Amino acid sequence: MKRLICIVLVLCTAISMTACNGKGAGKADKEFVPALDTSTSCELTVVGSYDNFEALEAEFDRFSEIYPNVQLSYLKLDDYNNILGTVLEGDNKPNIFFSNAGMIGNEKYNTVFSHTEDLSDSSLNLNLDCIRPGLINHDETGRVLMVPVFSRSYGMLVNNDLFEKEGLKVPTTWSELLNVCEEFKSRGYDNPMMGYSAGSSSCFMYTIAYIMFAANLAENPDALKLANDLDPAAGEYMRPALETVDQLIQSGYIDLDECDKIEDNYTQVILRFFEGDVPMMICAGDTVSGTRKRESQSEAFSQNPFIYTFSPIPLTDKGGYFIDSPSVEFSVNKDCDNLDMTNEFMRFLISNKELNEMASVKRLITPTKDLSFDSVYAPFGQVPAERTISPEVLGIKDKLTVQIKNAAYKVGRGEITVDQAVSMYGTFE
């Protein structure tokens, strides 16, 4: 009996910890009950920067089953960031529009936010609790001007079948990563790790370095201000990240010449990984979104399919980090026609069920707490709260990322040393 009670207590504690660290399922969805007259006839428009948005259009179809006379459409705006303010003040005002945290505090978007509804208003009855807290950005007055519908992170595609074939475990610490790379090398695998390296934007050097730099700044709030201000003193906080990049390349675990043959960080990274001889491919979550469609485009994968997942890169002996950032966010135009129905659609959309469905179609990371929804992203659901970093909430600015991106690229390619990169902080363009 004592043993049984002990087991029950352990299980209860585990469940409690899951809820506390933000990885639980969150507030359960209640069945959507329409709050407006279902015979209402009107039009709603969502504008954004995507060429097409099949995942959202699927949501339109489901919403139309409840409100059959509501016509919903998606429209891509060319030169989106520059014309959004003008569009919101035009005659054909959109109901919902793409937004991002980088717009907040930028004078360029003052006009945009003068039209934006506060989505934290309790009268709207939006289930914001279903979204991971680190993804919800508040402005300086506490308003929620945008909600994420997709999220992104950085990590590595893992060929799980290859690990199983060789009797190796997917590494969860830095020392395990180095050991498993050495094991693969000794067994004839020329490229234990790969990634796009031909340009500084989206290169694997940046992916690795940004994760570690962000983690270092999260642990040193005073350094974050220095880094955002481009103070040269912040360069020292880049050092561990740059040394990690340099070590992986110098050890021979990542072959730059082979990586340079990958022409982009999307299609070509995926197709190279699908060749089936690369245990770990470093990339961003946005790259992973294209894997499902390209499974059939890869002759190698079609002939020899394998199980793969997207996992944190274990860059320290405590494990990897989950850089948890919004990808696409929606804002509501408070001055649009049919605002009540616009908010009704948002109430329908912001739920575990619908957000997970959207993420599944697009194969991006869901913004909900249910990271196990797509098994490819499930490893990130195992990262503890203390190793989860939300850059937007933390306050990391774009000008900071420019520094680590270019520093990591130049160090990785051997153009400058780590010491030189550290001393040059604030000068990279």
Protein backbone atom coordinates (compact mmCIF):
# COMPACT_ATOMS: atom_id res chain seq x y z
CA MET A 1 0.00 0.00 0.00
CA LYS A 2 2.81 2.42 0.90
CA ARG A 3 4.52 1.65 -2.38
CA LEU A 4 1.28 2.27 -4.30
CA ILE A 5 0.75 5.58 -2.53
CA CYS A 6 4.33 6.58 -3.35
CA ILE A 7 3.80 5.81 -7.03
CA VAL A 8 0.60 7.85 -7.10
CA LEU A 9 2.37 10.80 -5.47
CA VAL A 10 5.19 10.64 -8.01
CA LEU A 11 2.71 10.63 -10.87
CA CYS A 12 0.81 13.55 -9.39
CA THR A 13 4.05 15.48 -8.98
CA ALA A 14 5.05 14.79 -12.59
CA ILE A 15 1.68 15.98 -13.85
CA SER A 16 1.94 19.09 -11.70
CA MET A 17 5.43 19.87 -13.00
CA THR A 18 4.26 19.43 -16.59
CA ALA A 19 1.53 21.97 -16.01
CA CYS A 20 3.89 24.40 -14.27
CA ASN A 21 6.62 24.38 -16.90
CA GLY A 22 4.20 25.37 -19.63
CA LYS A 23 4.41 22.13 -21.61
CA GLY A 24 0.99 20.83 -20.62
CA ALA A 25 -2.02 20.97 -22.88
CA GLY A 26 -3.33 24.15 -21.23
CA LYS A 27 -6.97 24.95 -20.67
CA ALA A 28 -9.04 22.34 -22.44
CA ASP A 29 -11.01 23.51 -25.45
CA LYS A 30 -14.71 23.83 -24.94
CA GLU A 31 -16.85 22.96 -27.91
CA PHE A 32 -17.22 26.09 -30.02
CA VAL A 33 -20.68 27.56 -29.57
CA PRO A 34 -21.62 30.36 -31.97
CA ALA A 35 -22.31 33.66 -30.23
CA LEU A 36 -23.83 35.41 -33.24
CA ASP A 37 -26.71 34.72 -35.58
CA THR A 38 -25.46 31.86 -37.78
CA SER A 39 -27.43 33.24 -40.74
CA THR A 40 -25.36 36.44 -40.71
CA SER A 41 -24.08 37.36 -44.15
CA CYS A 42 -20.81 39.29 -44.50
CA GLU A 43 -17.25 39.21 -45.85
CA LEU A 44 -13.99 38.95 -43.92
CA THR A 45 -10.50 39.42 -45.35
CA VAL A 46 -7.11 38.38 -43.98
CA VAL A 47 -4.03 40.03 -45.50
CA GLY A 48 -0.46 38.85 -45.19
CA SER A 49 2.84 38.19 -46.89
CA TYR A 50 2.42 34.49 -47.75
CA ASP A 51 1.97 33.66 -51.43
CA ASN A 52 -0.78 31.22 -50.45
CA PHE A 53 -2.22 29.99 -47.18
CA GLU A 54 -3.92 26.61 -47.58
CA ALA A 55 -3.88 25.99 -43.82
CA LEU A 56 -5.89 29.15 -43.18
CA GLU A 57 -8.25 28.42 -46.04
CA ALA A 58 -9.01 25.07 -44.41
CA GLU A 59 -10.00 27.04 -41.30
CA PHE A 60 -12.24 29.21 -43.47
CA ASP A 61 -14.01 26.06 -44.66
CA ARG A 62 -14.56 24.79 -41.12
CA PHE A 63 -15.84 28.15 -39.94
CA SER A 64 -18.23 28.25 -42.91
CA GLU A 65 -19.85 25.06 -41.68
CA ILE A 66 -21.04 27.12 -38.70
CA TYR A 67 -21.56 30.43 -40.49
CA PRO A 68 -22.39 29.40 -44.10
CA ASN A 69 -23.09 32.96 -45.28
CA VAL A 70 -19.79 34.42 -44.11
CA GLN A 71 -17.32 34.67 -46.97
CA LEU A 72 -13.67 34.57 -45.89
CA SER A 73 -10.69 35.25 -48.12
CA TYR A 74 -6.94 35.60 -47.88
CA LEU A 75 -4.98 38.21 -49.85
CA LYS A 76 -1.23 38.57 -50.23
CA LEU A 77 0.03 42.15 -50.19
CA ASP A 78 3.16 42.95 -52.17
CA ASP A 79 5.74 45.00 -50.27
CA TYR A 80 3.76 44.08 -47.18
CA ASN A 81 5.65 45.94 -44.46
CA ASN A 82 5.73 49.21 -46.37
CA ILE A 83 2.09 49.38 -47.44
CA LEU A 84 0.30 47.81 -44.47
CA GLY A 85 -0.38 51.14 -42.73
CA THR A 86 -1.82 52.61 -45.93
CA VAL A 87 -4.03 49.56 -46.51
CA LEU A 88 -5.45 49.76 -42.99
CA GLU A 89 -6.53 53.34 -43.65
CA GLY A 90 -7.89 52.66 -47.13
CA ASP A 91 -11.44 52.06 -48.32
CA ASN A 92 -11.24 48.26 -48.30
CA LYS A 93 -9.93 47.72 -44.80
CA PRO A 94 -8.87 44.13 -44.01
CA ASN A 95 -10.30 42.47 -40.92
CA ILE A 96 -7.16 40.59 -39.86
CA PHE A 97 -3.53 41.14 -40.78
CA PHE A 98 -0.10 39.58 -40.26
CA SER A 99 2.02 41.24 -37.59
CA ASN A 100 5.17 40.53 -35.61
CA ALA A 101 6.83 41.59 -32.37
CA GLY A 102 9.49 43.56 -34.25
CA MET A 103 6.80 46.07 -35.22
CA ILE A 104 6.11 47.04 -31.60
CA GLY A 105 8.00 50.17 -30.63
CA ASN A 106 8.97 50.90 -34.23
CA GLU A 107 7.68 54.32 -35.26
CA LYS A 108 7.21 53.05 -38.78
CA TYR A 109 4.24 51.01 -37.55
CA ASN A 110 2.56 53.64 -35.36
CA THR A 111 -0.22 53.92 -37.91
CA VAL A 112 -0.67 50.15 -37.93
CA PHE A 113 -1.07 49.89 -34.17
CA SER A 114 -3.45 52.83 -34.03
CA HIS A 115 -5.91 50.48 -35.75
CA THR A 116 -5.10 47.35 -33.75
CA GLU A 117 -7.50 45.77 -31.27
CA ASP A 118 -6.40 44.71 -27.79
CA LEU A 119 -6.86 40.96 -27.89
CA SER A 120 -6.45 40.62 -24.13
CA ASP A 121 -9.85 42.27 -23.63
CA SER A 122 -11.80 39.70 -21.60
CA SER A 123 -15.03 40.59 -23.41
CA LEU A 124 -13.60 38.98 -26.58
CA ASN A 125 -13.43 35.62 -24.76
CA LEU A 126 -10.31 34.47 -26.62
CA ASN A 127 -8.66 31.35 -25.18
CA LEU A 128 -5.15 32.82 -24.94
CA ASP A 129 -4.41 30.21 -22.26
CA CYS A 130 -3.99 27.58 -24.97
CA ILE A 131 -0.89 29.41 -26.27
CA ARG A 132 2.53 29.03 -24.68
CA PRO A 133 2.99 32.11 -22.46
CA GLY A 134 6.40 32.98 -23.89
CA LEU A 135 4.85 33.52 -27.30
CA ILE A 136 2.38 36.18 -26.18
CA ASN A 137 3.86 39.64 -26.44
CA HIS A 138 2.54 42.58 -24.42
CA ASP A 139 3.21 46.17 -25.33
CA GLU A 140 4.39 48.71 -22.73
CA THR A 141 0.81 49.28 -21.55
CA GLY A 142 0.08 45.56 -21.20
CA ARG A 143 -2.05 45.17 -24.33
CA VAL A 144 -1.88 42.05 -26.51
CA LEU A 145 -1.88 43.40 -30.05
CA MET A 146 -1.10 40.12 -31.80
CA VAL A 147 -1.46 36.41 -31.23
CA PRO A 148 0.75 33.72 -32.79
CA VAL A 149 -0.80 31.14 -35.08
CA PHE A 150 2.55 29.45 -35.83
CA SER A 151 5.86 29.38 -33.97
CA ARG A 152 9.47 28.69 -34.91
CA SER A 153 12.66 27.42 -33.35
CA TYR A 154 16.15 26.21 -34.22
CA GLY A 155 17.48 22.68 -34.03
CA MET A 156 18.51 19.68 -36.08
CA LEU A 157 16.68 17.15 -38.22
CA VAL A 158 17.59 13.72 -36.88
CA ASN A 159 17.57 10.50 -38.93
CA ASN A 160 16.23 8.28 -36.15
CA ASP A 161 16.49 5.11 -38.23
CA LEU A 162 20.20 5.74 -38.79
CA PHE A 163 20.79 6.01 -35.05
CA GLU A 164 18.84 2.81 -34.47
CA LYS A 165 20.71 0.99 -37.23
CA GLU A 166 24.07 1.89 -35.65
CA GLY A 167 22.89 1.20 -32.11
CA LEU A 168 23.45 4.80 -31.03
CA LYS A 169 21.30 7.16 -29.01
CA VAL A 170 20.29 10.63 -30.15
CA PRO A 171 22.54 12.94 -28.09
CA THR A 172 21.04 15.13 -25.37
CA THR A 173 24.24 16.76 -24.06
CA TRP A 174 27.31 18.37 -25.62
CA SER A 175 29.64 15.54 -24.66
CA GLU A 176 27.19 13.00 -26.07
CA LEU A 177 27.02 15.00 -29.30
CA LEU A 178 30.80 14.97 -29.72
CA ASN A 179 30.95 11.26 -28.89
CA VAL A 180 28.22 10.29 -31.30
CA CYS A 181 29.81 12.37 -34.09
CA GLU A 182 33.07 10.51 -33.48
CA GLU A 183 31.22 7.20 -33.57
CA PHE A 184 29.60 7.99 -36.90
CA LYS A 185 32.92 9.14 -38.34
CA SER A 186 34.58 5.89 -37.26
CA ARG A 187 31.84 3.91 -38.97
CA GLY A 188 32.32 5.57 -42.35
CA TYR A 189 29.85 8.46 -42.18
CA ASP A 190 31.70 11.42 -43.67
CA ASN A 191 29.15 13.98 -42.49
CA PRO A 192 27.80 13.33 -38.99
CA MET A 193 26.34 16.85 -39.09
CA MET A 194 25.52 19.15 -41.98
CA GLY A 195 23.74 22.42 -42.68
CA TYR A 196 23.53 25.26 -45.15
CA SER A 197 26.74 27.33 -45.11
CA ALA A 198 27.03 29.25 -48.38
CA GLY A 199 25.66 32.54 -47.01
CA SER A 200 25.42 34.26 -43.64
CA SER A 201 21.64 34.39 -43.68
CA SER A 202 20.18 31.14 -42.29
CA CYS A 203 23.56 29.41 -42.23
CA PHE A 204 24.10 26.65 -39.68
CA MET A 205 26.81 28.72 -37.97
CA TYR A 206 24.21 31.34 -37.11
CA THR A 207 21.70 28.71 -35.99
CA ILE A 208 24.17 27.27 -33.49
CA ALA A 209 25.60 30.60 -32.32
CA TYR A 210 22.26 32.39 -31.94
CA ILE A 211 20.92 29.69 -29.62
CA MET A 212 23.92 29.93 -27.31
CA PHE A 213 24.15 33.72 -27.44
CA ALA A 214 20.46 34.06 -26.58
CA ALA A 215 20.89 31.62 -23.68
CA ASN A 216 23.88 33.56 -22.38
CA LEU A 217 22.00 36.85 -22.54
CA ALA A 218 18.98 35.31 -20.81
CA GLU A 219 21.25 34.47 -17.88
CA ASN A 220 22.85 37.94 -17.89
CA PRO A 221 20.18 40.67 -18.12
CA ASP A 222 22.77 43.46 -17.88
CA ALA A 223 24.54 42.02 -20.91
CA LEU A 224 21.30 42.07 -22.90
CA LYS A 225 21.12 45.85 -22.70
CA LEU A 226 24.77 46.11 -23.78
CA ALA A 227 24.11 43.78 -26.69
CA ASN A 228 20.99 45.63 -27.86
CA ASP A 229 22.88 48.92 -27.61
CA LEU A 230 25.70 47.40 -29.74
CA ASP A 231 28.17 48.12 -26.96
CA PRO A 232 31.55 46.47 -27.78
CA ALA A 233 31.62 45.08 -24.22
CA ALA A 234 28.83 42.69 -25.22
CA GLY A 235 31.24 40.87 -27.51
CA GLU A 236 32.50 38.70 -24.67
CA TYR A 237 29.04 37.22 -24.30
CA MET A 238 29.34 35.92 -27.88
CA ARG A 239 32.55 34.06 -27.13
CA PRO A 240 31.08 30.69 -25.95
CA ALA A 241 28.77 30.59 -28.96
CA LEU A 242 31.54 31.32 -31.44
CA GLU A 243 33.89 28.81 -29.81
CA THR A 244 31.24 26.12 -30.16
CA VAL A 245 30.84 26.80 -33.87
CA ASP A 246 34.60 26.78 -34.35
CA GLN A 247 35.04 23.51 -32.43
CA LEU A 248 32.46 21.62 -34.47
CA ILE A 249 34.08 22.69 -37.73
CA GLN A 250 37.69 22.23 -36.62
CA SER A 251 36.92 18.77 -35.28
CA GLY A 252 35.85 17.66 -38.75
CA TYR A 253 32.32 16.79 -37.67
CA ILE A 254 30.99 19.42 -40.10
CA ASP A 255 32.60 19.62 -43.53
CA LEU A 256 32.24 23.14 -44.95
CA ASP A 257 33.09 22.06 -48.48
CA GLU A 258 30.24 19.55 -48.45
CA CYS A 259 27.87 21.98 -46.77
CA ASP A 260 28.64 24.61 -49.41
CA LYS A 261 27.12 22.28 -52.01
CA ILE A 262 23.72 22.83 -50.39
CA GLU A 263 22.33 25.80 -52.27
CA ASP A 264 19.63 26.99 -49.86
CA ASN A 265 18.37 26.46 -46.34
CA TYR A 266 15.02 25.10 -47.42
CA THR A 267 14.48 22.73 -50.33
CA GLN A 268 18.12 21.76 -50.79
CA VAL A 269 18.72 21.17 -47.09
CA ILE A 270 15.68 18.88 -46.98
CA LEU A 271 16.59 16.95 -50.11
CA ARG A 272 20.18 16.49 -48.92
CA PHE A 273 18.93 15.17 -45.59
CA PHE A 274 16.56 12.80 -47.39
CA GLU A 275 19.54 11.16 -49.09
CA GLY A 276 19.64 9.18 -45.86
CA ASP A 277 23.36 9.31 -45.01
CA VAL A 278 23.34 12.39 -42.75
CA PRO A 279 22.57 11.63 -39.10
CA MET A 280 21.92 15.26 -38.10
CA MET A 281 21.03 18.26 -40.28
CA ILE A 282 21.13 21.69 -38.61
CA CYS A 283 18.31 24.01 -39.69
CA ALA A 284 15.41 26.18 -38.57
CA GLY A 285 11.88 25.01 -37.89
CA ASP A 286 10.71 26.90 -40.98
CA THR A 287 12.82 24.49 -43.02
CA VAL A 288 11.14 21.50 -41.39
CA SER A 289 7.78 22.82 -42.58
CA GLY A 290 8.74 21.78 -46.11
CA THR A 291 9.65 18.18 -45.32
CA ARG A 292 6.25 16.55 -45.83
CA LYS A 293 5.81 17.89 -49.37
CA ARG A 294 9.34 16.92 -50.33
CA GLU A 295 9.24 13.33 -49.17
CA SER A 296 7.74 12.37 -52.54
CA GLN A 297 10.13 14.68 -54.42
CA SER A 298 13.15 12.81 -53.10
CA GLU A 299 13.86 9.63 -55.04
CA ALA A 300 16.17 8.44 -52.27
CA PHE A 301 13.56 8.95 -49.57
CA SER A 302 10.80 7.41 -51.67
CA GLN A 303 12.87 4.27 -52.12
CA ASN A 304 14.18 4.15 -48.55
CA PRO A 305 11.95 6.16 -46.22
CA PHE A 306 13.03 6.67 -42.64
CA ILE A 307 11.69 8.14 -39.42
CA TYR A 308 12.98 11.61 -38.60
CA THR A 309 12.40 14.20 -35.89
CA PHE A 310 13.39 17.79 -35.22
CA SER A 311 15.36 18.02 -31.98
CA PRO A 312 17.17 20.68 -29.93
CA ILE A 313 20.91 20.85 -30.62
CA PRO A 314 22.56 19.72 -27.35
CA LEU A 315 25.07 22.53 -27.09
CA THR A 316 25.86 22.24 -23.37
CA ASP A 317 26.27 19.42 -20.90
CA LYS A 318 22.94 20.40 -19.40
CA GLY A 319 21.25 19.80 -22.73
CA GLY A 320 19.77 21.80 -25.57
CA TYR A 321 17.63 24.93 -25.60
CA PHE A 322 14.18 25.59 -27.00
CA ILE A 323 14.26 29.01 -28.66
CA ASP A 324 10.51 29.63 -28.67
CA SER A 325 9.55 32.42 -31.07
CA PRO A 326 6.35 33.36 -32.91
CA SER A 327 6.40 32.80 -36.64
CA VAL A 328 3.15 34.17 -38.02
CA GLU A 329 0.96 36.36 -35.81
CA PHE A 330 -2.51 37.76 -36.39
CA SER A 331 -3.81 41.17 -35.39
CA VAL A 332 -7.38 42.45 -35.67
CA ASN A 333 -8.22 45.77 -37.30
CA LYS A 334 -10.54 47.40 -34.76
CA ASP A 335 -11.81 49.80 -37.44
CA CYS A 336 -12.85 47.13 -39.94
CA ASP A 337 -16.36 46.32 -41.09
CA ASN A 338 -18.03 43.37 -39.35
CA LEU A 339 -15.79 43.56 -36.27
CA ASP A 340 -18.12 41.30 -34.26
CA MET A 341 -17.83 38.51 -36.82
CA THR A 342 -14.08 39.10 -37.10
CA ASN A 343 -13.72 38.51 -33.37
CA GLU A 344 -16.00 35.48 -33.65
CA PHE A 345 -13.64 33.96 -36.21
CA MET A 346 -10.66 34.71 -33.95
CA ARG A 347 -12.48 33.05 -31.03
CA PHE A 348 -13.01 30.01 -33.26
CA LEU A 349 -9.39 29.96 -34.43
CA ILE A 350 -7.56 30.52 -31.12
CA SER A 351 -8.01 27.04 -29.68
CA ASN A 352 -5.88 23.94 -29.28
CA LYS A 353 -7.86 22.14 -31.96
CA GLU A 354 -7.77 24.74 -34.71
CA LEU A 355 -4.24 26.01 -34.12
CA ASN A 356 -2.94 22.43 -34.09
CA GLU A 357 -4.83 21.70 -37.30
CA MET A 358 -3.29 24.75 -38.96
CA ALA A 359 0.18 23.76 -37.81
CA SER A 360 -0.37 20.22 -39.07
CA VAL A 361 -1.31 21.40 -42.57
CA LYS A 362 1.58 23.87 -42.77
CA ARG A 363 3.88 21.59 -40.73
CA LEU A 364 5.11 24.44 -38.62
CA ILE A 365 5.43 24.30 -34.85
CA THR A 366 2.11 24.80 -33.12
CA PRO A 367 1.93 27.77 -30.72
CA THR A 368 -0.16 25.71 -28.29
CA LYS A 369 1.17 23.84 -25.28
CA ASP A 370 0.52 20.53 -27.07
CA LEU A 371 3.91 20.09 -28.74
CA SER A 372 3.36 16.33 -29.05
CA PHE A 373 0.65 17.02 -31.63
CA ASP A 374 3.18 16.47 -34.42
CA SER A 375 5.65 13.71 -33.56
CA VAL A 376 8.34 15.43 -35.63
CA TYR A 377 8.42 18.31 -33.12
CA ALA A 378 7.76 16.21 -30.01
CA PRO A 379 11.41 16.39 -28.75
CA PHE A 380 10.96 20.09 -28.04
CA GLY A 381 8.13 19.25 -25.68
CA GLN A 382 10.70 17.55 -23.44
CA VAL A 383 12.81 20.67 -22.93
CA PRO A 384 12.31 21.99 -19.37
CA ALA A 385 11.00 25.47 -18.73
CA GLU A 386 14.37 26.73 -17.50
CA ARG A 387 15.91 25.90 -20.90
CA THR A 388 13.11 27.49 -22.91
CA ILE A 389 13.88 31.00 -24.13
CA SER A 390 11.43 33.44 -25.69
CA PRO A 391 13.60 36.07 -27.43
CA GLU A 392 10.77 38.51 -28.06
CA VAL A 393 9.66 38.48 -24.44
CA LEU A 394 13.28 38.63 -23.29
CA GLY A 395 13.81 41.73 -25.40
CA ILE A 396 16.32 40.59 -28.05
CA LYS A 397 16.35 43.10 -30.91
CA ASP A 398 17.04 42.55 -34.60
CA LYS A 399 20.22 44.65 -34.60
CA LEU A 400 21.67 42.26 -32.02
CA THR A 401 20.99 39.24 -34.23
CA VAL A 402 22.85 40.92 -37.10
CA GLN A 403 25.99 40.91 -34.96
CA ILE A 404 25.90 37.24 -34.00
CA LYS A 405 24.85 36.17 -37.50
CA ASN A 406 27.79 37.82 -39.23
CA ALA A 407 30.29 37.06 -36.48
CA ALA A 408 29.41 33.35 -36.49
CA TYR A 409 29.59 33.16 -40.28
CA LYS A 410 33.00 34.81 -40.50
CA VAL A 411 34.42 32.71 -37.67
CA GLY A 412 32.97 29.53 -39.14
CA ARG A 413 34.53 30.25 -42.52
CA GLY A 414 37.88 31.10 -40.95
CA GLU A 415 37.81 34.72 -42.12
CA ILE A 416 38.36 36.02 -38.59
CA THR A 417 39.26 34.50 -35.23
CA VAL A 418 36.98 34.28 -32.23
CA ASP A 419 39.03 36.97 -30.50
CA GLN A 420 38.68 39.28 -33.47
CA ALA A 421 34.92 38.70 -33.68
CA VAL A 422 34.53 39.45 -29.98
CA SER A 423 36.39 42.75 -30.34
CA MET A 424 34.35 43.70 -33.42
CA TYR A 425 30.94 43.46 -31.75
CA GLY A 426 28.75 46.34 -32.86
CA THR A 427 30.54 46.83 -36.19
CA PHE A 428 29.05 43.97 -38.20
CA GLU A 429 26.61 45.01 -40.91
